[in-house]
Amino acid sequence: MTPGTRTAVPDGPGAAAADDIVRAELDTACCERWWTSCGTDHDSACPRRVPRSSAA
């Protein structure tokens, strides 16, 4: 192991808190395109998609 790196410990201290955080983030996650576009675009069927008007 390289000095300064960490190893994941599934049952280590804070594991339950980390699981809760990840679960909460996934529960509020958006569509696949949102994730892969770094939050700049949504799938056309995504309920969180806000249509943009072309009118200026």
PDB file of N, CA and C in Angstrom:
ATOM      1  N   MET A   1       0.851  -1.185   0.000  1.00  0.00           N
ATOM      2  CA  MET A   1       0.000   0.000   0.000  1.00  0.00           C
ATOM      3  C   MET A   1       0.891   1.241   0.000  1.00  0.00           C
ATOM      4  N   THR A   2       0.496   2.244  -0.755  1.00  0.00           N
ATOM      5  CA  THR A   2       1.226   3.489  -0.852  1.00  0.00           C
ATOM      6  C   THR A   2       0.980   4.330   0.390  1.00  0.00           C
ATOM      7  N   PRO A   3       2.023   4.940   0.946  1.00  0.00           N
ATOM      8  CA  PRO A   3       1.818   5.800   2.125  1.00  0.00           C
ATOM      9  C   PRO A   3       0.813   6.909   1.823  1.00  0.00           C
ATOM     10  N   GLY A   4      -0.072   7.161   2.757  1.00  0.00           N
ATOM     11  CA  GLY A   4      -1.069   8.215   2.615  1.00  0.00           C
ATOM     12  C   GLY A   4      -2.364   7.767   1.968  1.00  0.00           C
ATOM     13  N   THR A   5      -2.443   6.512   1.525  1.00  0.00           N
ATOM     14  CA  THR A   5      -3.700   6.031   0.949  1.00  0.00           C
ATOM     15  C   THR A   5      -4.537   5.391   2.031  1.00  0.00           C
ATOM     16  N   ARG A   6      -5.821   5.314   1.785  1.00  0.00           N
ATOM     17  CA  ARG A   6      -6.743   4.726   2.751  1.00  0.00           C
ATOM     18  C   ARG A   6      -7.377   3.483   2.155  1.00  0.00           C
ATOM     19  N   THR A   7      -7.708   2.567   3.009  1.00  0.00           N
ATOM     20  CA  THR A   7      -8.384   1.351   2.593  1.00  0.00           C
ATOM     21  C   THR A   7      -9.812   1.385   3.118  1.00  0.00           C
ATOM     22  N   ALA A   8     -10.760   1.054   2.258  1.00  0.00           N
ATOM     23  CA  ALA A   8     -12.160   1.020   2.684  1.00  0.00           C
ATOM     24  C   ALA A   8     -12.370  -0.126   3.649  1.00  0.00           C
ATOM     25  N   VAL A   9     -13.042   0.150   4.738  1.00  0.00           N
ATOM     26  CA  VAL A   9     -13.345  -0.865   5.734  1.00  0.00           C
ATOM     27  C   VAL A   9     -14.859  -0.893   5.896  1.00  0.00           C
ATOM     28  N   PRO A  10     -15.524  -1.912   5.314  1.00  0.00           N
ATOM     29  CA  PRO A  10     -16.989  -1.938   5.317  1.00  0.00           C
ATOM     30  C   PRO A  10     -17.632  -1.874   6.696  1.00  0.00           C
ATOM     31  N   ASP A  11     -16.978  -2.418   7.696  1.00  0.00           N
ATOM     32  CA  ASP A  11     -17.562  -2.421   9.040  1.00  0.00           C
ATOM     33  C   ASP A  11     -16.800  -1.519   9.999  1.00  0.00           C
ATOM     34  N   GLY A  12     -15.974  -0.648   9.473  1.00  0.00           N
ATOM     35  CA  GLY A  12     -15.170   0.227  10.316  1.00  0.00           C
ATOM     36  C   GLY A  12     -15.977   1.362  10.891  1.00  0.00           C
ATOM     37  N   PRO A  13     -15.341   2.195  11.719  1.00  0.00           N
ATOM     38  CA  PRO A  13     -16.019   3.340  12.321  1.00  0.00           C
ATOM     39  C   PRO A  13     -16.529   4.288  11.233  1.00  0.00           C
ATOM     40  N   GLY A  14     -17.737   4.718  11.365  1.00  0.00           N
ATOM     41  CA  GLY A  14     -18.325   5.647  10.407  1.00  0.00           C
ATOM     42  C   GLY A  14     -18.960   4.977   9.203  1.00  0.00           C
ATOM     43  N   ALA A  15     -18.888   3.652   9.106  1.00  0.00           N
ATOM     44  CA  ALA A  15     -19.448   2.950   7.946  1.00  0.00           C
ATOM     45  C   ALA A  15     -20.952   3.176   7.846  1.00  0.00           C
ATOM     46  N   ALA A  16     -21.654   3.118   8.953  1.00  0.00           N
ATOM     47  CA  ALA A  16     -23.105   3.312   8.930  1.00  0.00           C
ATOM     48  C   ALA A  16     -23.449   4.737   8.499  1.00  0.00           C
ATOM     49  N   ALA A  17     -22.694   5.706   8.985  1.00  0.00           N
ATOM     50  CA  ALA A  17     -22.938   7.096   8.601  1.00  0.00           C
ATOM     51  C   ALA A  17     -22.655   7.293   7.114  1.00  0.00           C
ATOM     52  N   ALA A  18     -21.584   6.691   6.626  1.00  0.00           N
ATOM     53  CA  ALA A  18     -21.262   6.788   5.199  1.00  0.00           C
ATOM     54  C   ALA A  18     -22.354   6.146   4.363  1.00  0.00           C
ATOM     55  N   ASP A  19     -22.856   5.002   4.783  1.00  0.00           N
ATOM     56  CA  ASP A  19     -23.953   4.341   4.072  1.00  0.00           C
ATOM     57  C   ASP A  19     -25.194   5.233   4.031  1.00  0.00           C
ATOM     58  N   ASP A  20     -25.493   5.879   5.141  1.00  0.00           N
ATOM     59  CA  ASP A  20     -26.659   6.770   5.194  1.00  0.00           C
ATOM     60  C   ASP A  20     -26.502   7.948   4.232  1.00  0.00           C
ATOM     61  N   ILE A  21     -25.303   8.499   4.175  1.00  0.00           N
ATOM     62  CA  ILE A  21     -25.041   9.634   3.289  1.00  0.00           C
ATOM     63  C   ILE A  21     -25.192   9.215   1.832  1.00  0.00           C
ATOM     64  N   VAL A  22     -24.588   8.092   1.483  1.00  0.00           N
ATOM     65  CA  VAL A  22     -24.677   7.603   0.101  1.00  0.00           C
ATOM     66  C   VAL A  22     -26.115   7.281  -0.267  1.00  0.00           C
ATOM     67  N   ARG A  23     -26.829   6.643   0.636  1.00  0.00           N
ATOM     68  CA  ARG A  23     -28.224   6.287   0.369  1.00  0.00           C
ATOM     69  C   ARG A  23     -29.070   7.546   0.153  1.00  0.00           C
ATOM     70  N   ALA A  24     -28.855   8.573   0.963  1.00  0.00           N
ATOM     71  CA  ALA A  24     -29.604   9.825   0.815  1.00  0.00           C
ATOM     72  C   ALA A  24     -29.286  10.496  -0.520  1.00  0.00           C
ATOM     73  N   GLU A  25     -28.026  10.482  -0.923  1.00  0.00           N
ATOM     74  CA  GLU A  25     -27.648  11.076  -2.201  1.00  0.00           C
ATOM     75  C   GLU A  25     -28.276  10.322  -3.362  1.00  0.00           C
ATOM     76  N   LEU A  26     -28.266   9.003  -3.296  1.00  0.00           N
ATOM     77  CA  LEU A  26     -28.857   8.200  -4.362  1.00  0.00           C
ATOM     78  C   LEU A  26     -30.369   8.363  -4.419  1.00  0.00           C
ATOM     79  N   ASP A  27     -31.009   8.547  -3.264  1.00  0.00           N
ATOM     80  CA  ASP A  27     -32.454   8.750  -3.229  1.00  0.00           C
ATOM     81  C   ASP A  27     -32.859  10.063  -3.904  1.00  0.00           C
ATOM     82  N   THR A  28     -31.977  11.053  -3.875  1.00  0.00           N
ATOM     83  CA  THR A  28     -32.277  12.340  -4.492  1.00  0.00           C
ATOM     84  C   THR A  28     -31.622  12.481  -5.860  1.00  0.00           C
ATOM     85  N   ALA A  29     -31.013  11.397  -6.339  1.00  0.00           N
ATOM     86  CA  ALA A  29     -30.319  11.429  -7.625  1.00  0.00           C
ATOM     87  C   ALA A  29     -31.290  11.700  -8.759  1.00  0.00           C
ATOM     88  N   CYS A  30     -30.763  12.257  -9.791  1.00  0.00           N
ATOM     89  CA  CYS A  30     -31.563  12.574 -10.959  1.00  0.00           C
ATOM     90  C   CYS A  30     -31.361  11.477 -12.001  1.00  0.00           C
ATOM     91  N   CYS A  31     -31.647  11.797 -13.257  1.00  0.00           N
ATOM     92  CA  CYS A  31     -31.557  10.829 -14.342  1.00  0.00           C
ATOM     93  C   CYS A  31     -30.096  10.523 -14.712  1.00  0.00           C
ATOM     94  N   GLU A  32     -29.914   9.484 -15.503  1.00  0.00           N
ATOM     95  CA  GLU A  32     -28.577   9.070 -15.919  1.00  0.00           C
ATOM     96  C   GLU A  32     -27.854  10.167 -16.689  1.00  0.00           C
ATOM     97  N   ARG A  33     -28.545  10.823 -17.596  1.00  0.00           N
ATOM     98  CA  ARG A  33     -27.893  11.883 -18.378  1.00  0.00           C
ATOM     99  C   ARG A  33     -27.432  13.018 -17.480  1.00  0.00           C
ATOM    100  N   TRP A  34     -28.168  13.326 -16.435  1.00  0.00           N
ATOM    101  CA  TRP A  34     -27.770  14.390 -15.512  1.00  0.00           C
ATOM    102  C   TRP A  34     -26.431  14.046 -14.871  1.00  0.00           C
ATOM    103  N   TRP A  35     -26.299  12.791 -14.437  1.00  0.00           N
ATOM    104  CA  TRP A  35     -25.036  12.360 -13.813  1.00  0.00           C
ATOM    105  C   TRP A  35     -23.889  12.406 -14.798  1.00  0.00           C
ATOM    106  N   THR A  36     -24.100  11.902 -16.018  1.00  0.00           N
ATOM    107  CA  THR A  36     -23.009  11.802 -16.978  1.00  0.00           C
ATOM    108  C   THR A  36     -22.686  13.125 -17.648  1.00  0.00           C
ATOM    109  N   SER A  37     -23.560  14.120 -17.534  1.00  0.00           N
ATOM    110  CA  SER A  37     -23.292  15.433 -18.121  1.00  0.00           C
ATOM    111  C   SER A  37     -22.847  16.439 -17.056  1.00  0.00           C
ATOM    112  N   CYS A  38     -22.489  15.951 -15.900  1.00  0.00           N
ATOM    113  CA  CYS A  38     -22.049  16.813 -14.786  1.00  0.00           C
ATOM    114  C   CYS A  38     -23.135  17.821 -14.401  1.00  0.00           C
ATOM    115  N   GLY A  39     -24.389  17.379 -14.459  1.00  0.00           N
ATOM    116  CA  GLY A  39     -25.490  18.213 -14.006  1.00  0.00           C
ATOM    117  C   GLY A  39     -25.932  19.282 -14.978  1.00  0.00           C
ATOM    118  N   THR A  40     -25.578  19.157 -16.269  1.00  0.00           N
ATOM    119  CA  THR A  40     -25.943  20.198 -17.226  1.00  0.00           C
ATOM    120  C   THR A  40     -27.092  19.821 -18.144  1.00  0.00           C
ATOM    121  N   ASP A  41     -27.513  18.556 -18.165  1.00  0.00           N
ATOM    122  CA  ASP A  41     -28.573  18.120 -19.075  1.00  0.00           C
ATOM    123  C   ASP A  41     -29.387  17.015 -18.415  1.00  0.00           C
ATOM    124  N   HIS A  42     -30.629  16.843 -18.848  1.00  0.00           N
ATOM    125  CA  HIS A  42     -31.519  15.807 -18.315  1.00  0.00           C
ATOM    126  C   HIS A  42     -32.055  14.947 -19.449  1.00  0.00           C
ATOM    127  N   ASP A  43     -32.448  13.716 -19.130  1.00  0.00           N
ATOM    128  CA  ASP A  43     -33.173  12.881 -20.081  1.00  0.00           C
ATOM    129  C   ASP A  43     -34.489  13.565 -20.406  1.00  0.00           C
ATOM    130  N   SER A  44     -35.016  13.352 -21.616  1.00  0.00           N
ATOM    131  CA  SER A  44     -36.258  14.013 -22.011  1.00  0.00           C
ATOM    132  C   SER A  44     -37.441  13.600 -21.131  1.00  0.00           C
ATOM    133  N   ALA A  45     -37.391  12.418 -20.538  1.00  0.00           N
ATOM    134  CA  ALA A  45     -38.485  11.954 -19.679  1.00  0.00           C
ATOM    135  C   ALA A  45     -38.236  12.232 -18.192  1.00  0.00           C
ATOM    136  N   CYS A  46     -37.169  12.894 -17.870  1.00  0.00           N
ATOM    137  CA  CYS A  46     -36.826  13.168 -16.466  1.00  0.00           C
ATOM    138  C   CYS A  46     -37.837  14.145 -15.855  1.00  0.00           C
ATOM    139  N   PRO A  47     -38.407  13.796 -14.708  1.00  0.00           N
ATOM    140  CA  PRO A  47     -39.385  14.693 -14.082  1.00  0.00           C
ATOM    141  C   PRO A  47     -38.763  16.000 -13.577  1.00  0.00           C
ATOM    142  N   ARG A  48     -37.457  16.053 -13.446  1.00  0.00           N
ATOM    143  CA  ARG A  48     -36.797  17.281 -12.978  1.00  0.00           C
ATOM    144  C   ARG A  48     -36.330  18.168 -14.120  1.00  0.00           C
ATOM    145  N   ARG A  49     -36.562  17.728 -15.339  1.00  0.00           N
ATOM    146  CA  ARG A  49     -36.152  18.495 -16.509  1.00  0.00           C
ATOM    147  C   ARG A  49     -37.014  19.742 -16.608  1.00  0.00           C
ATOM    148  N   VAL A  50     -36.385  20.870 -16.831  1.00  0.00           N
ATOM    149  CA  VAL A  50     -37.105  22.138 -17.009  1.00  0.00           C
ATOM    150  C   VAL A  50     -36.879  22.572 -18.453  1.00  0.00           C
ATOM    151  N   PRO A  51     -37.940  22.544 -19.256  1.00  0.00           N
ATOM    152  CA  PRO A  51     -37.776  22.950 -20.656  1.00  0.00           C
ATOM    153  C   PRO A  51     -37.255  24.382 -20.752  1.00  0.00           C
ATOM    154  N   ARG A  52     -36.326  24.588 -21.628  1.00  0.00           N
ATOM    155  CA  ARG A  52     -35.768  25.921 -21.839  1.00  0.00           C
ATOM    156  C   ARG A  52     -36.482  26.586 -23.005  1.00  0.00           C
ATOM    157  N   SER A  53     -36.809  27.829 -22.842  1.00  0.00           N
ATOM    158  CA  SER A  53     -37.465  28.590 -23.898  1.00  0.00           C
ATOM    159  C   SER A  53     -36.400  29.138 -24.838  1.00  0.00           C
ATOM    160  N   SER A  54     -36.711  29.151 -26.123  1.00  0.00           N
ATOM    161  CA  SER A  54     -35.776  29.721 -27.082  1.00  0.00           C
ATOM    162  C   SER A  54     -36.004  31.226 -27.251  1.00  0.00           C
ATOM    163  N   ALA A  55     -37.057  31.747 -26.615  1.00  0.00           N
ATOM    164  CA  ALA A  55     -37.344  33.176 -26.689  1.00  0.00           C
ATOM    165  C   ALA A  55     -36.384  33.935 -25.789  1.00  0.00           C
ATOM    166  N   ALA A  56     -35.860  35.007 -26.291  1.00  0.00           N
ATOM    167  CA  ALA A  56     -34.918  35.786 -25.488  1.00  0.00           C
ATOM    168  C   ALA A  56     -35.574  37.008 -24.897  1.00  0.00           C
TER     169      ALA A  56
END
